[in-house]
Amino acid sequence: MLAIFYAILTLSGAFQESAKDSRLEMAEPIACRTIAGYEDYQPLDEPVIARTEKLMIYTRFSGQTIIKKNEGYHVHLVQDVNVRRKGQKKVLWGRKRIVEYEATEDYPPLNLYIGTSLGLINFEPGEYEADLILHDENADVPPARRTLSFRLTEPKPTVVKPDDSEAAPVKEPSSRPPSSERPRRPSRG
């Protein structure tokens, strides 16, 4: 199982220095073809991928606690993921701290996203759900939870069509045995 993440921050006005009124929230996760940055992604029409492809998940969140320190503004978030058959509780694969984002910046990082890429080649085709759990390590607040339903299919067979200009002519089978099996004439010397 392969997981890759990336996060980016953008700068904004106000920030939350304490967790008193904080509530960590996560938007609905989006299955994507590509993720290039904050709000810069190409969603899949349907959350369906071949099991040889990677499931890319884009998530936005808000309400994270940002702490003002001497060196700047500090944010620390951790994401867990669990994959299970759709409608079932048994976790088939899970990883704690699959993503850990910790940064100290000159300005408060407010508009954050996480892009997670899961390799699911060992899973059988079928309907699944990925449970995403986001923790705010700067505050004692409940984690944000969201679930993405998706379907895995078998990869489509690759059909290679030869280019007509490079295609070798098809030879008819010969009734003669291959040259290595034919008797040789004695050489004249």
C-alpha atoms as a PDB file:
ATOM      1  CA  MET A   1       0.000   0.000   0.000  1.00  0.00           C
ATOM      2  CA  LEU A   2       1.469   3.288  -1.027  1.00  0.00           C
ATOM      3  CA  ALA A   3       0.339   6.595   0.358  1.00  0.00           C
ATOM      4  CA  ILE A   4       1.568   9.986  -0.637  1.00  0.00           C
ATOM      5  CA  PHE A   5       0.384  13.302   0.685  1.00  0.00           C
ATOM      6  CA  TYR A   6       0.900  16.905  -0.048  1.00  0.00           C
ATOM      7  CA  ALA A   7      -0.410  20.022   1.638  1.00  0.00           C
ATOM      8  CA  ILE A   8      -0.246  23.676   0.803  1.00  0.00           C
ATOM      9  CA  LEU A   9      -1.109  26.791   2.689  1.00  0.00           C
ATOM     10  CA  THR A  10      -2.375  30.164   1.601  1.00  0.00           C
ATOM     11  CA  LEU A  11      -2.364  33.324   3.618  1.00  0.00           C
ATOM     12  CA  SER A  12      -5.482  34.946   4.957  1.00  0.00           C
ATOM     13  CA  GLY A  13      -6.686  37.486   7.511  1.00  0.00           C
ATOM     14  CA  ALA A  14      -7.728  36.371  10.986  1.00  0.00           C
ATOM     15  CA  PHE A  15      -6.605  33.224  12.759  1.00  0.00           C
ATOM     16  CA  GLN A  16      -7.525  31.295  15.866  1.00  0.00           C
ATOM     17  CA  GLU A  17      -4.951  31.372  18.638  1.00  0.00           C
ATOM     18  CA  SER A  18      -6.802  29.155  21.090  1.00  0.00           C
ATOM     19  CA  ALA A  19      -8.862  26.026  20.888  1.00  0.00           C
ATOM     20  CA  LYS A  20     -11.623  27.342  23.222  1.00  0.00           C
ATOM     21  CA  ASP A  21     -14.097  27.929  20.396  1.00  0.00           C
ATOM     22  CA  SER A  22     -12.334  25.681  17.906  1.00  0.00           C
ATOM     23  CA  ARG A  23     -14.099  22.958  15.965  1.00  0.00           C
ATOM     24  CA  LEU A  24     -12.028  21.118  13.426  1.00  0.00           C
ATOM     25  CA  GLU A  25     -14.083  20.457  10.282  1.00  0.00           C
ATOM     26  CA  MET A  26     -13.371  18.665   7.030  1.00  0.00           C
ATOM     27  CA  ALA A  27     -15.223  19.190   3.741  1.00  0.00           C
ATOM     28  CA  GLU A  28     -16.474  16.201   1.744  1.00  0.00           C
ATOM     29  CA  PRO A  29     -13.466  14.341   0.298  1.00  0.00           C
ATOM     30  CA  ILE A  30     -13.180  14.390  -3.501  1.00  0.00           C
ATOM     31  CA  ALA A  31     -11.817  11.525  -5.626  1.00  0.00           C
ATOM     32  CA  CYS A  32      -9.524  13.130  -8.212  1.00  0.00           C
ATOM     33  CA  ARG A  33      -7.625  12.417 -11.400  1.00  0.00           C
ATOM     34  CA  THR A  34      -4.985  15.035 -10.477  1.00  0.00           C
ATOM     35  CA  ILE A  35      -4.247  17.411  -7.607  1.00  0.00           C
ATOM     36  CA  ALA A  36      -2.055  20.432  -8.343  1.00  0.00           C
ATOM     37  CA  GLY A  37      -2.713  22.705  -5.357  1.00  0.00           C
ATOM     38  CA  TYR A  38      -5.282  24.415  -3.150  1.00  0.00           C
ATOM     39  CA  GLU A  39      -8.617  24.313  -5.010  1.00  0.00           C
ATOM     40  CA  ASP A  40      -6.656  23.187  -8.095  1.00  0.00           C
ATOM     41  CA  TYR A  41      -7.672  19.617  -8.831  1.00  0.00           C
ATOM     42  CA  GLN A  42      -9.426  17.567 -11.506  1.00  0.00           C
ATOM     43  CA  PRO A  43     -12.224  15.494  -9.931  1.00  0.00           C
ATOM     44  CA  LEU A  44     -13.253  12.119 -11.301  1.00  0.00           C
ATOM     45  CA  ASP A  45     -16.759  12.053 -12.817  1.00  0.00           C
ATOM     46  CA  GLU A  46     -17.445   8.964 -10.710  1.00  0.00           C
ATOM     47  CA  PRO A  47     -15.211   7.636  -7.908  1.00  0.00           C
ATOM     48  CA  VAL A  48     -14.216   4.577  -9.946  1.00  0.00           C
ATOM     49  CA  ILE A  49     -10.611   3.527 -10.615  1.00  0.00           C
ATOM     50  CA  ALA A  50      -8.798   0.420 -11.788  1.00  0.00           C
ATOM     51  CA  ARG A  51      -7.080  -1.279  -8.883  1.00  0.00           C
ATOM     52  CA  THR A  52      -3.715  -0.674 -10.577  1.00  0.00           C
ATOM     53  CA  GLU A  53      -4.303   3.095 -10.400  1.00  0.00           C
ATOM     54  CA  LYS A  54      -3.873   5.262  -7.327  1.00  0.00           C
ATOM     55  CA  LEU A  55      -6.888   6.699  -5.539  1.00  0.00           C
ATOM     56  CA  MET A  56      -6.204  10.418  -5.141  1.00  0.00           C
ATOM     57  CA  ILE A  57      -8.277  12.138  -2.453  1.00  0.00           C
ATOM     58  CA  TYR A  58      -8.510  15.918  -2.025  1.00  0.00           C
ATOM     59  CA  THR A  59      -9.718  17.216   1.352  1.00  0.00           C
ATOM     60  CA  ARG A  60     -10.097  20.746   2.677  1.00  0.00           C
ATOM     61  CA  PHE A  61     -10.517  21.535   6.334  1.00  0.00           C
ATOM     62  CA  SER A  62     -11.079  24.490   8.637  1.00  0.00           C
ATOM     63  CA  GLY A  63     -11.116  25.276  12.342  1.00  0.00           C
ATOM     64  CA  GLN A  64      -7.548  24.125  12.894  1.00  0.00           C
ATOM     65  CA  THR A  65      -5.779  25.680  15.879  1.00  0.00           C
ATOM     66  CA  ILE A  66      -2.898  27.971  14.984  1.00  0.00           C
ATOM     67  CA  ILE A  67      -0.528  28.819  17.795  1.00  0.00           C
ATOM     68  CA  LYS A  68       1.512  32.051  17.791  1.00  0.00           C
ATOM     69  CA  LYS A  69       5.086  31.274  18.761  1.00  0.00           C
ATOM     70  CA  ASN A  70       8.206  33.455  18.760  1.00  0.00           C
ATOM     71  CA  GLU A  71       9.281  32.021  15.396  1.00  0.00           C
ATOM     72  CA  GLY A  72       5.845  32.415  13.785  1.00  0.00           C
ATOM     73  CA  TYR A  73       2.454  30.754  13.465  1.00  0.00           C
ATOM     74  CA  HIS A  74       2.394  27.017  14.113  1.00  0.00           C
ATOM     75  CA  VAL A  75      -0.072  24.420  12.808  1.00  0.00           C
ATOM     76  CA  HIS A  76       0.131  20.650  13.387  1.00  0.00           C
ATOM     77  CA  LEU A  77      -2.374  18.247  11.794  1.00  0.00           C
ATOM     78  CA  VAL A  78      -2.370  14.450  11.464  1.00  0.00           C
ATOM     79  CA  GLN A  79      -4.582  12.307   9.215  1.00  0.00           C
ATOM     80  CA  ASP A  80      -5.431   8.609   9.629  1.00  0.00           C
ATOM     81  CA  VAL A  81      -7.105   6.446   6.980  1.00  0.00           C
ATOM     82  CA  ASN A  82      -9.053   3.180   7.134  1.00  0.00           C
ATOM     83  CA  VAL A  83     -10.261   1.264   4.062  1.00  0.00           C
ATOM     84  CA  ARG A  84     -13.155  -1.190   4.334  1.00  0.00           C
ATOM     85  CA  ARG A  85     -15.792  -2.871   2.166  1.00  0.00           C
ATOM     86  CA  LYS A  86     -18.743  -0.568   1.603  1.00  0.00           C
ATOM     87  CA  GLY A  87     -21.313  -0.909   4.370  1.00  0.00           C
ATOM     88  CA  GLN A  88     -19.081  -3.092   6.568  1.00  0.00           C
ATOM     89  CA  LYS A  89     -17.269  -2.130   9.764  1.00  0.00           C
ATOM     90  CA  LYS A  90     -14.251  -4.435   9.469  1.00  0.00           C
ATOM     91  CA  VAL A  91     -11.160  -2.439   8.465  1.00  0.00           C
ATOM     92  CA  LEU A  92      -9.246  -4.178   5.658  1.00  0.00           C
ATOM     93  CA  TRP A  93      -6.326  -1.760   5.738  1.00  0.00           C
ATOM     94  CA  GLY A  94      -5.581   1.235   7.906  1.00  0.00           C
ATOM     95  CA  ARG A  95      -2.755   3.524   8.765  1.00  0.00           C
ATOM     96  CA  LYS A  96      -2.389   5.934  11.668  1.00  0.00           C
ATOM     97  CA  ARG A  97      -0.575   9.171  10.877  1.00  0.00           C
ATOM     98  CA  ILE A  98      -0.569   8.495   7.128  1.00  0.00           C
ATOM     99  CA  VAL A  99      -0.230  12.260   6.748  1.00  0.00           C
ATOM    100  CA  GLU A 100       1.437  14.576   9.205  1.00  0.00           C
ATOM    101  CA  TYR A 101       1.539  18.266   8.402  1.00  0.00           C
ATOM    102  CA  GLU A 102       3.449  20.524  10.756  1.00  0.00           C
ATOM    103  CA  ALA A 103       4.602  23.991   9.801  1.00  0.00           C
ATOM    104  CA  THR A 104       5.628  27.272  11.332  1.00  0.00           C
ATOM    105  CA  GLU A 105       5.143  30.250   9.032  1.00  0.00           C
ATOM    106  CA  ASP A 106       5.519  34.017   9.181  1.00  0.00           C
ATOM    107  CA  TYR A 107       1.793  34.361   8.516  1.00  0.00           C
ATOM    108  CA  PRO A 108      -1.115  32.256   9.791  1.00  0.00           C
ATOM    109  CA  PRO A 109      -1.718  29.315   7.443  1.00  0.00           C
ATOM    110  CA  LEU A 110      -5.486  29.159   7.038  1.00  0.00           C
ATOM    111  CA  ASN A 111      -6.515  27.640   3.696  1.00  0.00           C
ATOM    112  CA  LEU A 112      -5.028  24.188   3.894  1.00  0.00           C
ATOM    113  CA  TYR A 113      -5.728  21.020   1.964  1.00  0.00           C
ATOM    114  CA  ILE A 114      -4.438  17.492   2.062  1.00  0.00           C
ATOM    115  CA  GLY A 115      -4.009  15.366  -1.031  1.00  0.00           C
ATOM    116  CA  THR A 116      -3.677  11.674  -0.279  1.00  0.00           C
ATOM    117  CA  SER A 117      -2.792   9.015  -2.836  1.00  0.00           C
ATOM    118  CA  LEU A 118      -3.565   5.385  -1.997  1.00  0.00           C
ATOM    119  CA  GLY A 119      -2.236   2.402  -3.921  1.00  0.00           C
ATOM    120  CA  LEU A 120      -4.900  -0.330  -3.798  1.00  0.00           C
ATOM    121  CA  ILE A 121      -3.447  -2.976  -6.119  1.00  0.00           C
ATOM    122  CA  ASN A 122      -3.805  -5.731  -3.474  1.00  0.00           C
ATOM    123  CA  PHE A 123      -7.562  -5.188  -3.173  1.00  0.00           C
ATOM    124  CA  GLU A 124     -10.120  -7.197  -5.136  1.00  0.00           C
ATOM    125  CA  PRO A 125     -12.481  -5.277  -7.442  1.00  0.00           C
ATOM    126  CA  GLY A 126     -15.581  -4.077  -5.603  1.00  0.00           C
ATOM    127  CA  GLU A 127     -17.199  -1.294  -3.577  1.00  0.00           C
ATOM    128  CA  TYR A 128     -15.139   0.262  -0.765  1.00  0.00           C
ATOM    129  CA  GLU A 129     -15.065   3.190   1.646  1.00  0.00           C
ATOM    130  CA  ALA A 130     -12.093   5.187   2.856  1.00  0.00           C
ATOM    131  CA  ASP A 131     -12.565   6.725   6.300  1.00  0.00           C
ATOM    132  CA  LEU A 132     -10.448   9.865   6.730  1.00  0.00           C
ATOM    133  CA  ILE A 133      -9.804  11.048  10.295  1.00  0.00           C
ATOM    134  CA  LEU A 134      -8.078  14.406  10.874  1.00  0.00           C
ATOM    135  CA  HIS A 135      -6.557  15.304  14.266  1.00  0.00           C
ATOM    136  CA  ASP A 136      -5.484  18.768  15.463  1.00  0.00           C
ATOM    137  CA  GLU A 137      -2.303  18.165  17.464  1.00  0.00           C
ATOM    138  CA  ASN A 138      -2.368  21.765  18.784  1.00  0.00           C
ATOM    139  CA  ALA A 139      -5.698  21.334  20.569  1.00  0.00           C
ATOM    140  CA  ASP A 140      -7.712  18.861  22.589  1.00  0.00           C
ATOM    141  CA  VAL A 141     -10.674  18.800  20.189  1.00  0.00           C
ATOM    142  CA  PRO A 142     -12.542  15.901  18.587  1.00  0.00           C
ATOM    143  CA  PRO A 143     -11.135  14.772  15.238  1.00  0.00           C
ATOM    144  CA  ALA A 144     -12.920  15.600  11.979  1.00  0.00           C
ATOM    145  CA  ARG A 145     -14.197  12.523  10.110  1.00  0.00           C
ATOM    146  CA  ARG A 146     -15.341  11.977   6.539  1.00  0.00           C
ATOM    147  CA  THR A 147     -15.887   8.935   4.349  1.00  0.00           C
ATOM    148  CA  LEU A 148     -15.301   8.579   0.607  1.00  0.00           C
ATOM    149  CA  SER A 149     -17.102   5.761  -1.202  1.00  0.00           C
ATOM    150  CA  PHE A 150     -15.349   4.400  -4.295  1.00  0.00           C
ATOM    151  CA  ARG A 151     -15.281   1.404  -6.619  1.00  0.00           C
ATOM    152  CA  LEU A 152     -12.268  -0.604  -7.781  1.00  0.00           C
ATOM    153  CA  THR A 153     -12.347  -2.375 -11.140  1.00  0.00           C
ATOM    154  CA  GLU A 154      -9.992  -4.685 -12.988  1.00  0.00           C
ATOM    155  CA  PRO A 155      -7.627  -2.814 -15.298  1.00  0.00           C
ATOM    156  CA  LYS A 156      -8.716  -2.667 -18.911  1.00  0.00           C
ATOM    157  CA  PRO A 157      -6.567  -4.842 -21.171  1.00  0.00           C
ATOM    158  CA  THR A 158      -4.126  -2.871 -23.268  1.00  0.00           C
ATOM    159  CA  VAL A 159      -4.608  -3.321 -26.986  1.00  0.00           C
ATOM    160  CA  VAL A 160      -1.572  -2.479 -29.067  1.00  0.00           C
ATOM    161  CA  LYS A 161      -2.457  -1.563 -32.610  1.00  0.00           C
ATOM    162  CA  PRO A 162       0.577  -1.677 -34.876  1.00  0.00           C
ATOM    163  CA  ASP A 163       1.190   1.323 -37.072  1.00  0.00           C
ATOM    164  CA  ASP A 164       0.492   0.235 -40.684  1.00  0.00           C
ATOM    165  CA  SER A 165       3.716   1.784 -41.948  1.00  0.00           C
ATOM    166  CA  GLU A 166       5.820  -0.295 -39.557  1.00  0.00           C
ATOM    167  CA  ALA A 167       3.800  -3.488 -39.601  1.00  0.00           C
ATOM    168  CA  ALA A 168       5.683  -6.474 -40.912  1.00  0.00           C
ATOM    169  CA  PRO A 169       3.877  -8.511 -43.542  1.00  0.00           C
ATOM    170  CA  VAL A 170       2.272 -11.664 -42.238  1.00  0.00           C
ATOM    171  CA  LYS A 171       3.931 -14.769 -43.675  1.00  0.00           C
ATOM    172  CA  GLU A 172       1.896 -17.815 -44.477  1.00  0.00           C
ATOM    173  CA  PRO A 173       3.033 -20.929 -42.637  1.00  0.00           C
ATOM    174  CA  SER A 174       5.370 -23.070 -44.718  1.00  0.00           C
ATOM    175  CA  SER A 175       5.193 -26.801 -45.085  1.00  0.00           C
ATOM    176  CA  ARG A 176       9.000 -26.885 -45.039  1.00  0.00           C
ATOM    177  CA  PRO A 177      10.688 -27.372 -41.681  1.00  0.00           C
ATOM    178  CA  PRO A 178      12.703 -24.446 -40.272  1.00  0.00           C
ATOM    179  CA  SER A 179      16.199 -24.115 -41.698  1.00  0.00           C
ATOM    180  CA  SER A 180      17.778 -25.397 -38.485  1.00  0.00           C
ATOM    181  CA  GLU A 181      15.944 -28.691 -38.931  1.00  0.00           C
ATOM    182  CA  ARG A 182      16.614 -29.184 -42.668  1.00  0.00           C
ATOM    183  CA  PRO A 183      19.459 -31.463 -43.743  1.00  0.00           C
ATOM    184  CA  ARG A 184      22.518 -29.586 -44.953  1.00  0.00           C
ATOM    185  CA  ARG A 185      24.344 -30.268 -48.166  1.00  0.00           C
ATOM    186  CA  PRO A 186      27.944 -31.190 -47.821  1.00  0.00           C
ATOM    187  CA  SER A 187      30.182 -28.300 -48.694  1.00  0.00           C
ATOM    188  CA  ARG A 188      32.367 -28.475 -51.759  1.00  0.00           C
ATOM    189  CA  GLY A 189      35.871 -28.008 -51.008  1.00  0.00           C
END
